[in-house]
Amino acid sequence: MLMLQLKRVMWSEMIAKAGKPFTEGQFMKDCMLKVADILCPEKKNMFNNLSLSANTVAERITELSSDIYDQLRGKAGVFTAYSVALDESTDKTDNAQLAIFVRGINEKFEVTEELLSLCPMRCRTTAKDIFQQLADAIERAGLPCNRLVGITTDGAPSMTGKKNGLVALVQRKLEEEHADPAVVLHCIIHQQAPCSKCLKYEHVMSVVLKCINYIRSRSLQHRQFRAFLEEIEATYGDVLYFTEVRWLSRGNVLKRFFELRTEVKRFMEDGRMDVPEFDDPKWVMDLAFLVDITQELNILNLKLQGPGQLITAAYESVKAFSTKLRLWKTQLSAKNLSHFTTCRSLVEEGIAFNGDEYASAVENLLQEFDKRFADFKAHRDTFELFADPFSADVESVPIFLQMELIDLQCNSELKTKFREAQGNADKTAQFLRELPPRFPELSKVFSRVMCLFGSTYLCEKLFSAMNFNKCKFRSRLSDAHLEAVLRVSTVNTIRANVARLCEQKRCQITAIYFRRCFPLQDFITKHHYIEHYPKLIRTFGPLIDVWTMRFEGKHKVFKTIVRRTQNFKNVCLTLAVRHQKMMGFHFSSPSFFKPPVEIQKLKAAMVSSFPDKVQQCLFQMNGQQNTVLVASSVCVDGIKYAPDMIVSVGSCADLPDF
């Protein structure tokens, strides 16, 4: 039975991670039954007893999410420092969803990076609303406010406003808690991605997009183009659509278009659309340069992505790219195309290359990079200290760190261990974990840097999963189920304890025994509910106290009112008024409230006709009367007593006496 529970939970987890609907559980079960019919017919009943209905799958995914969140709360209590990353987006139903990720570190330098909360925002998404959602999420998780050391946002005005933005509200809250100000960072990817727009090669992009849209926006043209590429055995089978919001789209689209430029030219020349730019060597060279530079920007963007990335590694990647830009500027001025392979291929074909023009474009890109990342540059000394404390200048660090830094740099054993761990996040954490306790201030600085988010990549990844799950076919997915699915599918450092969940779940064996006893009968939902009655009685007492029959009794009344009034403008108001009038009429009736004792069908009987013990009781109560009245049933205070009933009249030795 435990194995059945384990399969049920694991299959539900797979459904969540694959982004499939909850109803896929029943489809998986049907597939397993078909396979069992062929491979192992004797074990078909084992799969048949496995419940994978939509409700069961949803419940298991919710339990997995709750287990992950409970583990996160347990870890949150021992965080020495933590930071948050926030971003907001809208789902398929135009509801704003605020994603909050937390990255915390404990005394052992173990980093936990998980989804803290996915908060639906029904109305406005002002800074105050976002701050309230953040404060509530932090409080629910048991995170101390005074240990918040960093906050990373997408740079939206509601997030970064100096007076009433989210950052300002958070800093104000930390000041009230007498805590150090948090490090505020603008997502490094959101700063890097727009840098390519300063290249100002719109005359290239406009022609590329015009050709792509002409081919792909018309189904006939698109089919003919793909057939043409297949006929000439081209390297690729199609051109790519351009999407502005996708970080890597520009580079991928330009590269594919350049490699298919000859095929596109031949296709367009067949009386479809005149594109004179294909015959302009200068335009083709501009396209080649744009392909080379956007490919390098894509490589940088990929380096900045990924979970668990140290902020120092991300900043070093940006610094390295700036250094590359300076090198490329010098090489382009000298017409050295060692790192521009696409341009070099055109030069080899005899097309002229103007190095100074492209060097100027690289200079503009370099200036754009220098303008941005100001928030990262403000903490450059701290990042460099964390990246290589043994090469840091002692005089440039804060005074309270200088003595400890000198002791650390003079320790050759620690220096050797650090060189072995340098560049690897896990090994760096292991080195810091083994750091002697005589470096408390350095350990505090290192832990603060280690738990900082460099980007909102995790939020963007979650929004992609959200749009995949809550699509037009699943637009009615509730916010609670959406958060549960996304928490299970985007989990990073915590794994749900499936074995413990299975042990806590009492295996439901009613269906199995029912099918054994009644193989020809269907097992319906009410049969399953009976199994829960003992637990409900122990928890709530007699079930008559929690029944809903009074609500059920009102259904017919309300349906009758709606059918007779034919008023659908405000149905709730109509029902409320009519019900109040009806109850007022009943309460005013003298026969509405029943008497405490009701007797049905009285008839006379001789006392001598009763057993001896009953006769003795009757004589003690009524004297020597020879006749008594006998009722078919008696209702006392709402409890009905009738013949052949077993009534508890007391208890003896903690057991009922009937």
Foldseek 3Di string as FASTA:
>chain_A
DLVLLLVQLVVLLVCLQVLHALQVQVVVLVVVLVVCVPPPVVCSVVSVPRDSHSVSSLVSLLVLLVLLLVVLLVVLVQFQAKEKEWEWDAAPVRWIWIWIWMWTAGLLRDIFIATQDIDTDHDDDAQVVVLVVVVVSCVVSVHDLQRYAAYEYQPDCLQDPCPRHNLVVSQVVNVVVVHDRHQYYHFPLSLLQCLLVLLPPVVQVVLLQVLQCLQPVDPVSVVVLLVLCVVVVAPDRGADHADSVDSLRVLRRLVVCLSCVVSSVVSCVPPNHDDCLSVPLVSNLVSLLSNLVSVVSVVLSVQSADPQDFLLSNVVSLVVVLVVLVVLLVCLCVVNCPSRVSSVVVVVVPRDRDSNVVSVSSVSSSVSSVVPPPSVVVCVLLSVCLQQLLPHDLVPDDPVQNVVSVVQNPDVVLNVQCVVQHPPLVSSSNSLSPDDPVRVVVNVSNSSSSNYDNRSNLVVVLVVSSNSNCDPVNVVDDPSSSRSSSSSNSGDPDGRPSSVVSVVDDDQCQVVVVCVVPVPDDDDPVSSVVVCVVVCCVVPNDCVVVDDVVVVVCPVVLVVQCVVVVDDPPSVVSSVVVVVVVVVVLVPDPPNDDDQKDFADKDKDFLVVDDPVSSVVCCVVPNPDGMDIDTQWMAGNNRIDHPPDDDFPQDDPNHTDD
